[in-house]
Amino acid sequence: MWKRILIVLVLVAAALGAGCLGGLLHPAVVPPAIVPVEGAALDQAPVSTFSFEDGEETVRVDPDPAVYAGAKEADRQLYLAKDLSEEEWIPIYYRAFINDSHQEPFYADLLAALREIRDSEGLDDDRYLELIAAFVQSVPYKTDASIVEPKFPIETYVDGEGDCDDKSLLLAGLLAREGYGVALLYFGDEAHMAVGVESAGCFYRNTTYAYIEATNANYVGIPPAALSNGTVLSSDPLVIPVGDGPRFYAACDQVETIERALSASRGRVEELAPELAARGQELEEERASLESLGARLTALSRSGEIREYNRLVPEYNRKARDYNDALGVYNTLLGESGAAVDLHNYLVAHAHDRPGSYIRARAYLAG
């Protein structure tokens, strides 16, 4: 619940709440800011290795220890001299974490490392955006109920962990500085945050943005059916513009193909499951009947009851043919279900490789 606290004629937006997104209680005119701590040191420079397309990439950056220490010690509350609506103060608060000027050298160094990968791999704007997203998504997700305020992006990088708003702030900050039209998507009702990038399609709800889930590996433009804790994003987000550059995401046609293949493969498995279960039960019953008749024939053969043996042999052969035919159909359906499961699992596990996933998805849909 949103609360407002009056202190010496200044309204304080305290951070309070639980979950991925801390519950900010009210606005501020004076936002959080970093004051560098001179003489600070880092134990070691962070190194990040992450999956991208069909390989792995490594990023090494040496952030300024003074800025990192200043971010750690920063006052993260917002101070307001007048009342503002949520739509006014929430953007002020979150953009302050992204745009603190002391972090610009950190952004520049990190982007220089990512651009080096871009240039060596010959990435276009879509694949470069996916590279940046894959890098941030690879940062381990961790939420701490005792720390409800967001981290500055330099903290998330150096700490090597963060929750939804921490990682979204880092991703949005990087994309904005690379000229993409980008925004934060703030879900107050669900205590969640994601990133939106201007796109040529795959718009999220009533926005012009493609959805990017920062917490873990996900395709650009495919929002999760539910968050890891089971929460479904049912509300319209507050859109917080962060960058208005000309770059946008143009691979929505391929993403939509991947999404269709995910849906089709999942649907086919669900459709086949009852039939496979029923046919499996029938096969078990037919097998038991066949084995029983086979045992009867063996007993007749040993006892010398040739007439009854000969009478039952054609019935046994018929049952054997029917069983083999049914087994063939069952195996065909099982193979089809297995192919759908394999594709679905592959696409889910390779969200860092949109081009490769598209090729498999297109082939599956083509039959």
Protein backbone atom coordinates (compact mmCIF):
# COMPACT_ATOMS: atom_id res chain seq x y z
CA MET A 1 0.00 0.00 0.00
CA TRP A 2 1.26 3.48 -0.86
CA LYS A 3 1.93 5.73 2.15
CA ARG A 4 3.14 9.25 2.55
CA ILE A 5 5.40 10.45 5.38
CA LEU A 6 5.83 14.13 6.17
CA ILE A 7 9.26 15.07 7.59
CA VAL A 8 10.28 18.72 8.10
CA LEU A 9 7.95 19.91 5.36
CA VAL A 10 9.52 17.34 3.01
CA LEU A 11 7.62 14.28 1.82
CA VAL A 12 9.74 11.15 1.82
CA ALA A 13 9.27 8.27 -0.62
CA ALA A 14 10.50 5.41 1.50
CA ALA A 15 11.16 2.04 -0.02
CA LEU A 16 9.19 -0.70 1.62
CA GLY A 17 7.72 -4.01 0.57
CA ALA A 18 8.60 -7.49 -0.54
CA GLY A 19 9.12 -9.32 -3.78
CA CYS A 20 11.17 -8.53 -6.84
CA LEU A 21 10.07 -4.92 -7.06
CA GLY A 22 10.33 -2.95 -3.83
CA GLY A 23 7.14 -1.09 -2.93
CA LEU A 24 7.93 2.61 -3.26
CA LEU A 25 5.62 4.54 -0.99
CA HIS A 26 5.75 8.04 -2.44
CA PRO A 27 7.69 10.45 -4.68
CA ALA A 28 10.69 12.73 -4.49
CA VAL A 29 12.14 15.83 -6.09
CA VAL A 30 15.66 15.03 -4.89
CA PRO A 31 16.42 11.57 -6.29
CA PRO A 32 19.05 9.06 -5.18
CA ALA A 33 22.57 10.00 -6.23
CA ILE A 34 26.07 8.54 -6.07
CA VAL A 35 28.81 10.29 -4.10
CA PRO A 36 32.09 8.52 -4.96
CA VAL A 37 34.10 7.16 -2.04
CA GLU A 38 37.73 7.99 -2.70
CA GLY A 39 40.24 5.33 -1.73
CA ALA A 40 37.79 2.45 -2.16
CA ALA A 41 39.00 -0.76 -3.77
CA LEU A 42 37.53 -3.84 -5.41
CA ASP A 43 38.66 -7.33 -4.46
CA GLN A 44 38.78 -8.34 -8.12
CA ALA A 45 37.49 -7.16 -11.46
CA PRO A 46 34.26 -8.89 -12.55
CA VAL A 47 34.37 -11.33 -15.48
CA SER A 48 31.15 -12.44 -17.16
CA THR A 49 30.89 -15.44 -19.50
CA PHE A 50 27.52 -16.08 -21.12
CA SER A 51 25.88 -18.06 -23.91
CA PHE A 52 25.08 -16.24 -27.12
CA GLU A 53 23.85 -17.81 -30.35
CA ASP A 54 25.93 -20.97 -30.93
CA GLY A 55 28.83 -20.11 -28.62
CA GLU A 56 29.97 -18.26 -25.53
CA GLU A 57 31.17 -14.71 -25.02
CA THR A 58 33.23 -13.18 -22.22
CA VAL A 59 33.15 -9.59 -20.95
CA ARG A 60 35.77 -8.07 -18.66
CA VAL A 61 35.43 -4.54 -17.26
CA ASP A 62 37.20 -2.71 -14.42
CA PRO A 63 34.61 -0.39 -12.82
CA ASP A 64 35.75 2.56 -10.73
CA PRO A 65 35.85 1.32 -7.10
CA ALA A 66 35.03 4.83 -5.83
CA VAL A 67 31.81 4.95 -7.85
CA TYR A 68 30.83 1.42 -6.86
CA ALA A 69 31.40 2.18 -3.18
CA GLY A 70 29.45 5.42 -3.54
CA ALA A 71 26.55 3.52 -5.10
CA LYS A 72 26.59 1.06 -2.22
CA GLU A 73 26.42 3.86 0.34
CA ALA A 74 23.94 6.08 -1.52
CA ASP A 75 20.73 7.29 0.09
CA ARG A 76 18.10 5.53 -2.02
CA GLN A 77 15.08 7.50 -0.88
CA LEU A 78 13.37 10.25 -2.84
CA TYR A 79 12.68 13.63 -1.28
CA LEU A 80 9.73 15.69 -2.43
CA ALA A 81 8.75 19.23 -1.68
CA LYS A 82 5.33 18.84 -3.29
CA ASP A 83 2.91 16.05 -3.87
CA LEU A 84 3.13 14.21 -7.21
CA SER A 85 1.18 11.40 -8.79
CA GLU A 86 2.69 7.94 -9.15
CA GLU A 87 3.00 8.51 -12.90
CA GLU A 88 5.21 11.52 -12.13
CA TRP A 89 7.45 10.34 -9.29
CA ILE A 90 8.07 6.71 -10.24
CA PRO A 91 9.91 7.65 -13.47
CA ILE A 92 11.97 10.25 -11.57
CA TYR A 93 13.03 7.61 -9.09
CA TYR A 94 14.07 4.85 -11.48
CA ARG A 95 15.71 7.07 -14.08
CA ALA A 96 17.90 8.46 -11.30
CA PHE A 97 19.48 5.03 -10.84
CA ILE A 98 20.11 4.62 -14.55
CA ASN A 99 21.34 8.11 -15.36
CA ASP A 100 23.62 9.06 -12.47
CA SER A 101 26.50 10.75 -14.28
CA HIS A 102 29.17 9.02 -12.21
CA GLN A 103 28.28 5.76 -13.97
CA GLU A 104 28.96 7.00 -17.50
CA PRO A 105 32.58 5.72 -17.59
CA PHE A 106 31.28 2.33 -16.44
CA TYR A 107 28.69 2.28 -19.23
CA ALA A 108 31.33 3.35 -21.76
CA ASP A 109 33.74 0.58 -20.77
CA LEU A 110 31.07 -2.09 -20.71
CA LEU A 111 29.67 -1.04 -24.07
CA ALA A 112 33.17 -0.96 -25.55
CA ALA A 113 33.54 -4.64 -24.60
CA LEU A 114 30.13 -5.49 -26.07
CA ARG A 115 30.86 -3.52 -29.26
CA GLU A 116 34.06 -5.50 -29.70
CA ILE A 117 31.98 -8.69 -29.77
CA ARG A 118 29.47 -7.03 -32.10
CA ASP A 119 32.17 -6.06 -34.56
CA SER A 120 34.02 -9.39 -34.45
CA GLU A 121 30.76 -11.31 -35.01
CA GLY A 122 29.35 -8.87 -37.57
CA LEU A 123 26.11 -8.39 -35.65
CA ASP A 124 23.30 -6.24 -37.02
CA ASP A 125 21.18 -4.03 -34.75
CA ASP A 126 18.80 -6.88 -33.86
CA ARG A 127 21.52 -9.35 -32.96
CA TYR A 128 23.46 -6.67 -31.10
CA LEU A 129 20.40 -5.91 -29.00
CA GLU A 130 20.05 -9.64 -28.33
CA LEU A 131 23.72 -9.79 -27.32
CA ILE A 132 23.20 -7.04 -24.74
CA ALA A 133 20.02 -8.71 -23.51
CA ALA A 134 21.73 -12.11 -23.25
CA PHE A 135 24.56 -10.55 -21.25
CA VAL A 136 22.20 -8.97 -18.71
CA GLN A 137 19.92 -12.01 -18.58
CA SER A 138 22.95 -14.15 -17.72
CA VAL A 139 23.55 -12.18 -14.52
CA PRO A 140 22.27 -14.53 -11.78
CA TYR A 141 18.84 -13.61 -10.47
CA LYS A 142 18.73 -13.10 -6.73
CA THR A 143 16.22 -11.28 -4.59
CA ASP A 144 16.82 -10.31 -0.98
CA ALA A 145 13.78 -9.49 1.14
CA SER A 146 15.97 -7.36 3.42
CA ILE A 147 17.02 -5.09 0.51
CA VAL A 148 13.95 -3.62 -1.15
CA GLU A 149 15.45 -0.62 -2.96
CA PRO A 150 16.90 -0.95 -6.46
CA LYS A 151 20.61 -1.18 -7.15
CA PHE A 152 22.51 1.21 -9.36
CA PRO A 153 23.55 -0.61 -12.57
CA ILE A 154 27.22 -0.52 -11.56
CA GLU A 155 26.29 -2.43 -8.41
CA THR A 156 24.41 -5.12 -10.30
CA TYR A 157 27.42 -5.66 -12.55
CA VAL A 158 30.02 -5.74 -9.80
CA ASP A 159 27.86 -7.79 -7.42
CA GLY A 160 27.18 -10.26 -10.22
CA GLU A 161 23.55 -10.63 -9.19
CA GLY A 162 20.28 -8.74 -9.00
CA ASP A 163 16.52 -9.03 -9.14
CA CYS A 164 14.05 -7.84 -11.76
CA ASP A 165 14.38 -4.10 -11.29
CA ASP A 166 18.17 -4.25 -10.80
CA LYS A 167 18.70 -6.14 -14.05
CA SER A 168 16.09 -4.12 -15.95
CA LEU A 169 17.81 -0.86 -14.97
CA LEU A 170 21.15 -2.19 -16.24
CA LEU A 171 19.66 -3.45 -19.51
CA ALA A 172 17.69 -0.25 -20.18
CA GLY A 173 20.74 1.89 -19.41
CA LEU A 174 22.90 -0.01 -21.88
CA LEU A 175 20.31 -0.06 -24.67
CA ALA A 176 19.54 3.64 -24.28
CA ARG A 177 23.23 4.49 -24.64
CA GLU A 178 23.41 2.42 -27.80
CA GLY A 179 20.65 4.44 -29.44
CA TYR A 180 17.68 2.14 -29.00
CA GLY A 181 14.23 3.43 -28.17
CA VAL A 182 13.82 1.82 -24.77
CA ALA A 183 11.62 2.03 -21.69
CA LEU A 184 11.13 0.39 -18.33
CA LEU A 185 7.86 -1.51 -17.93
CA TYR A 186 6.75 -1.06 -14.32
CA PHE A 187 4.13 -3.53 -13.06
CA GLY A 188 3.11 -2.11 -9.71
CA ASP A 189 0.31 -4.60 -9.11
CA GLU A 190 2.60 -7.59 -9.66
CA ALA A 191 5.75 -6.05 -8.08
CA HIS A 192 7.70 -6.67 -11.28
CA MET A 193 9.77 -4.75 -13.80
CA ALA A 194 10.82 -5.55 -17.36
CA VAL A 195 12.22 -3.65 -20.35
CA GLY A 196 10.54 -2.59 -23.56
CA VAL A 197 12.32 -1.81 -26.83
CA GLU A 198 10.79 0.00 -29.78
CA SER A 199 9.97 -2.57 -32.42
CA ALA A 200 8.53 -3.16 -35.86
CA GLY A 201 5.88 -5.46 -34.43
CA CYS A 202 5.42 -7.85 -31.47
CA PHE A 203 4.07 -4.96 -29.43
CA TYR A 204 3.42 -5.65 -25.77
CA ARG A 205 -0.18 -4.90 -24.84
CA ASN A 206 -1.05 -1.31 -25.77
CA THR A 207 2.56 -0.13 -26.14
CA THR A 208 4.88 0.23 -29.12
CA TYR A 209 7.51 -1.82 -27.33
CA ALA A 210 8.63 -5.43 -27.58
CA TYR A 211 8.84 -7.01 -24.14
CA ILE A 212 12.23 -8.09 -22.75
CA GLU A 213 12.32 -10.18 -19.58
CA ALA A 214 15.61 -9.40 -17.84
CA THR A 215 15.48 -11.95 -15.02
CA ASN A 216 16.59 -14.92 -17.13
CA ALA A 217 17.12 -16.03 -20.72
CA ASN A 218 14.07 -15.13 -22.82
CA TYR A 219 13.44 -14.13 -26.41
CA VAL A 220 13.00 -10.46 -27.16
CA GLY A 221 9.32 -9.94 -27.90
CA ILE A 222 7.95 -13.01 -26.08
CA PRO A 223 6.63 -12.17 -22.60
CA PRO A 224 6.51 -15.02 -20.09
CA ALA A 225 3.20 -16.79 -19.55
CA ALA A 226 3.99 -16.48 -15.84
CA LEU A 227 6.93 -15.34 -13.75
CA SER A 228 9.12 -17.88 -11.95
CA ASN A 229 7.01 -17.51 -8.80
CA GLY A 230 3.82 -18.21 -10.74
CA THR A 231 2.69 -14.58 -10.96
CA VAL A 232 0.81 -13.72 -14.18
CA LEU A 233 1.31 -10.20 -15.54
CA SER A 234 -2.29 -9.13 -15.96
CA SER A 235 -2.03 -5.37 -15.48
CA ASP A 236 -0.97 -2.74 -17.99
CA PRO A 237 2.49 -1.47 -17.08
CA LEU A 238 3.51 2.08 -16.38
CA VAL A 239 5.83 2.87 -19.31
CA ILE A 240 8.92 4.81 -18.25
CA PRO A 241 10.85 6.05 -21.32
CA VAL A 242 14.61 5.83 -20.85
CA GLY A 243 16.00 6.25 -24.36
CA ASP A 244 14.49 7.69 -27.55
CA GLY A 245 17.17 6.70 -30.04
CA PRO A 246 16.35 5.68 -33.62
CA ARG A 247 17.32 2.02 -33.28
CA PHE A 248 14.54 -0.52 -32.89
CA TYR A 249 14.00 -4.28 -32.94
CA ALA A 250 13.09 -5.53 -36.41
CA ALA A 251 13.22 -9.33 -36.02
CA CYS A 252 9.63 -9.68 -34.82
CA ASP A 253 8.61 -11.85 -37.77
CA GLN A 254 11.16 -14.48 -36.73
CA VAL A 255 10.22 -14.15 -33.07
CA GLU A 256 6.57 -14.68 -33.97
CA THR A 257 7.53 -17.85 -35.87
CA ILE A 258 9.39 -19.11 -32.79
CA GLU A 259 6.40 -18.25 -30.62
CA ARG A 260 4.05 -20.13 -32.97
CA ALA A 261 6.34 -23.16 -32.91
CA LEU A 262 6.47 -23.07 -29.12
CA SER A 263 2.70 -22.92 -28.96
CA ALA A 264 2.19 -25.56 -31.66
CA SER A 265 4.65 -28.03 -30.13
CA ARG A 266 3.20 -27.58 -26.66
CA GLY A 267 -0.33 -27.91 -28.04
CA ARG A 268 0.55 -31.05 -29.99
CA VAL A 269 2.00 -32.71 -26.88
CA GLU A 270 -1.11 -31.83 -24.91
CA GLU A 271 -3.34 -33.09 -27.74
CA LEU A 272 -1.50 -36.42 -28.06
CA ALA A 273 -1.21 -37.11 -24.34
CA PRO A 274 -4.75 -38.53 -23.86
CA GLU A 275 -4.56 -40.61 -27.04
CA LEU A 276 -1.16 -42.00 -26.10
CA ALA A 277 -2.42 -42.87 -22.64
CA ALA A 278 -5.50 -44.63 -24.05
CA ARG A 279 -3.52 -46.50 -26.72
CA GLY A 280 -0.90 -47.45 -24.16
CA GLN A 281 -3.56 -48.98 -21.95
CA GLU A 282 -5.05 -50.86 -24.91
CA LEU A 283 -1.61 -52.15 -25.89
CA GLU A 284 -1.00 -53.40 -22.38
CA GLU A 285 -4.32 -55.25 -22.41
CA GLU A 286 -3.65 -56.72 -25.88
CA ARG A 287 -0.15 -57.76 -24.84
CA ALA A 288 -1.50 -59.51 -21.75
CA SER A 289 -4.14 -61.30 -23.85
CA LEU A 290 -1.52 -62.31 -26.42
CA GLU A 291 0.83 -63.63 -23.76
CA SER A 292 -2.02 -65.58 -22.17
CA LEU A 293 -2.94 -67.17 -25.48
CA GLY A 294 0.71 -67.91 -26.20
CA ALA A 295 1.04 -69.67 -22.85
CA ARG A 296 -2.10 -71.70 -23.69
CA LEU A 297 -0.60 -72.76 -27.03
CA THR A 298 2.62 -73.81 -25.34
CA ALA A 299 0.71 -75.93 -22.85
CA LEU A 300 -1.34 -77.55 -25.64
CA SER A 301 1.79 -78.32 -27.64
CA ARG A 302 3.43 -80.01 -24.65
CA SER A 303 0.32 -82.02 -23.85
CA GLY A 304 -0.11 -83.21 -27.43
CA GLU A 305 -3.53 -81.63 -27.91
CA ILE A 306 -2.82 -80.88 -31.54
CA ARG A 307 -6.40 -80.29 -32.70
CA GLU A 308 -7.05 -77.53 -30.13
CA TYR A 309 -3.56 -76.17 -30.75
CA ASN A 310 -4.19 -75.86 -34.48
CA ARG A 311 -7.58 -74.25 -33.84
CA LEU A 312 -6.04 -71.51 -31.69
CA VAL A 313 -2.97 -70.74 -33.86
CA PRO A 314 -4.87 -68.55 -36.38
CA GLU A 315 -6.41 -66.58 -33.52
CA TYR A 316 -2.97 -66.08 -32.00
CA ASN A 317 -1.56 -64.90 -35.33
CA ARG A 318 -4.45 -62.47 -35.77
CA LYS A 319 -3.95 -61.06 -32.29
CA ALA A 320 -0.22 -60.77 -32.95
CA ARG A 321 -0.83 -58.83 -36.18
CA ASP A 322 -3.32 -56.52 -34.47
CA TYR A 323 -0.90 -55.94 -31.61
CA ASN A 324 2.00 -55.12 -33.96
CA ASP A 325 -0.20 -52.78 -35.99
CA ALA A 326 -1.35 -51.00 -32.83
CA LEU A 327 2.22 -50.85 -31.58
CA GLY A 328 3.31 -49.23 -34.85
CA VAL A 329 0.62 -46.55 -34.53
CA TYR A 330 1.55 -45.99 -30.89
CA ASN A 331 5.23 -45.62 -31.73
CA THR A 332 4.41 -43.19 -34.53
CA LEU A 333 2.38 -41.02 -32.16
CA LEU A 334 5.07 -41.36 -29.50
CA GLY A 335 7.68 -40.23 -32.01
CA GLU A 336 5.56 -37.25 -33.01
CA SER A 337 5.06 -36.31 -29.38
CA GLY A 338 8.76 -36.77 -28.70
CA ALA A 339 9.68 -34.54 -31.64
CA ALA A 340 7.34 -31.85 -30.32
CA VAL A 341 8.80 -32.17 -26.82
CA ASP A 342 12.36 -32.03 -28.17
CA LEU A 343 11.62 -28.92 -30.22
CA HIS A 344 9.84 -27.17 -27.35
CA ASN A 345 12.68 -27.94 -24.95
CA TYR A 346 15.26 -26.81 -27.50
CA LEU A 347 13.52 -23.49 -28.14
CA VAL A 348 13.13 -22.81 -24.42
CA ALA A 349 16.79 -23.63 -23.76
CA HIS A 350 18.11 -21.56 -26.67
CA ALA A 351 16.48 -18.19 -26.11
CA HIS A 352 19.97 -16.74 -26.47
CA ASP A 353 20.04 -17.90 -30.13
CA ARG A 354 17.13 -16.39 -32.01
CA PRO A 355 18.57 -17.06 -35.53
CA GLY A 356 19.20 -20.75 -34.81
CA SER A 357 15.86 -21.18 -33.07
CA TYR A 358 14.06 -19.58 -36.00
CA ILE A 359 15.50 -22.14 -38.43
CA ARG A 360 14.27 -25.04 -36.28
CA ALA A 361 10.91 -23.42 -35.61
CA ARG A 362 10.28 -22.76 -39.31
CA ALA A 363 11.19 -26.33 -40.24
CA TYR A 364 8.84 -27.74 -37.59
CA LEU A 365 5.93 -25.60 -38.70
CA ALA A 366 6.56 -26.53 -42.33
CA GLY A 367 6.00 -30.15 -41.36
